[in-house]
C-alpha atoms as a PDB file:
ATOM      1  CA  MET A   1       0.003   0.014   0.018  1.00  0.00           C
ATOM      2  CA  LYS A   2       2.834   2.373   0.764  1.00  0.00           C
ATOM      3  CA  ASP A   3       4.248   2.028  -2.706  1.00  0.00           C
ATOM      4  CA  THR A   4       0.918   2.780  -4.193  1.00  0.00           C
ATOM      5  CA  LEU A   5       0.495   5.922  -2.129  1.00  0.00           C
ATOM      6  CA  VAL A   6       4.045   7.066  -3.132  1.00  0.00           C
ATOM      7  CA  TRP A   7       3.266   6.416  -6.882  1.00  0.00           C
ATOM      8  CA  LEU A   8      -0.062   8.270  -6.611  1.00  0.00           C
ATOM      9  CA  ARG A   9       1.656  11.276  -4.962  1.00  0.00           C
ATOM     10  CA  GLN A  10       4.200  11.338  -7.765  1.00  0.00           C
ATOM     11  CA  LEU A  11       1.554  11.299 -10.392  1.00  0.00           C
ATOM     12  CA  LYS A  12      -0.351  14.063  -8.659  1.00  0.00           C
ATOM     13  CA  LEU A  13       2.787  16.296  -8.614  1.00  0.00           C
ATOM     14  CA  SER A  14       3.413  15.643 -12.330  1.00  0.00           C
ATOM     15  CA  TYR A  15      -0.251  16.349 -13.110  1.00  0.00           C
ATOM     16  CA  GLN A  16      -0.075  19.602 -11.220  1.00  0.00           C
ATOM     17  CA  GLN A  17       2.868  20.850 -13.264  1.00  0.00           C
ATOM     18  CA  GLU A  18       1.065  20.434 -16.574  1.00  0.00           C
ATOM     19  CA  HIS A  19      -0.178  23.471 -18.499  1.00  0.00           C
ATOM     20  CA  GLN A  20      -3.894  23.643 -18.931  1.00  0.00           C
ATOM     21  CA  PRO A  21      -4.548  23.018 -22.682  1.00  0.00           C
ATOM     22  CA  LYS A  22      -7.308  25.021 -24.516  1.00  0.00           C
ATOM     23  CA  LYS A  23     -10.549  23.096 -24.846  1.00  0.00           C
ATOM     24  CA  LEU A  24     -11.051  21.877 -28.281  1.00  0.00           C
ATOM     25  CA  PHE A  25     -14.474  20.984 -29.827  1.00  0.00           C
ATOM     26  CA  GLY A  26     -15.483  17.412 -29.183  1.00  0.00           C
ATOM     27  CA  LEU A  27     -12.423  16.485 -26.959  1.00  0.00           C
ATOM     28  CA  ILE A  28     -12.723  15.795 -23.134  1.00  0.00           C
ATOM     29  CA  TYR A  29      -9.924  16.987 -20.958  1.00  0.00           C
ATOM     30  CA  LEU A  30      -9.551  15.746 -17.392  1.00  0.00           C
ATOM     31  CA  THR A  31      -8.096  17.978 -14.948  1.00  0.00           C
ATOM     32  CA  PRO A  32      -5.153  16.679 -12.740  1.00  0.00           C
ATOM     33  CA  ALA A  33      -7.555  16.403  -9.783  1.00  0.00           C
ATOM     34  CA  GLN A  34     -10.028  14.406 -11.821  1.00  0.00           C
ATOM     35  CA  ARG A  35      -7.332  12.113 -13.161  1.00  0.00           C
ATOM     36  CA  PHE A  36      -5.952  11.591  -9.615  1.00  0.00           C
ATOM     37  CA  ALA A  37      -9.360  10.755  -8.255  1.00  0.00           C
ATOM     38  CA  ILE A  38     -10.033   8.202 -11.025  1.00  0.00           C
ATOM     39  CA  LEU A  39      -6.650   6.508 -10.531  1.00  0.00           C
ATOM     40  CA  LYS A  40      -7.149   6.455  -6.823  1.00  0.00           C
ATOM     41  CA  GLU A  41     -10.498   4.755  -7.116  1.00  0.00           C
ATOM     42  CA  ILE A  42      -9.001   2.141  -9.378  1.00  0.00           C
ATOM     43  CA  VAL A  43      -5.787   1.488  -7.515  1.00  0.00           C
ATOM     44  CA  TYR A  44      -6.712   1.615  -3.827  1.00  0.00           C
ATOM     45  CA  PRO A  45      -8.745  -1.557  -3.761  1.00  0.00           C
ATOM     46  CA  PHE A  46      -5.839  -3.570  -5.181  1.00  0.00           C
ATOM     47  CA  ALA A  47      -3.377  -1.991  -2.857  1.00  0.00           C
ATOM     48  CA  GLU A  48      -5.524  -2.683   0.210  1.00  0.00           C
ATOM     49  CA  GLU A  49      -6.058  -6.249  -0.884  1.00  0.00           C
ATOM     50  CA  ASN A  50      -2.338  -6.866  -1.411  1.00  0.00           C
ATOM     51  CA  SER A  51      -1.198  -5.116   1.836  1.00  0.00           C
ATOM     52  CA  GLY A  52      -2.781  -7.879   3.868  1.00  0.00           C
ATOM     53  CA  HIS A  53      -0.336 -10.550   2.576  1.00  0.00           C
END
């Protein structure tokens, strides 16, 4: 679980350093906070499951 948290923090820092692109017609842009929330929802259950072993 500790490795997962470190990895998520590193991703969050790299996301926060990105420049905001201009929105183009028909394309969806996820903000760094949105991407982090999605990854956290996907990764946390697996990290908790593996930390018990």
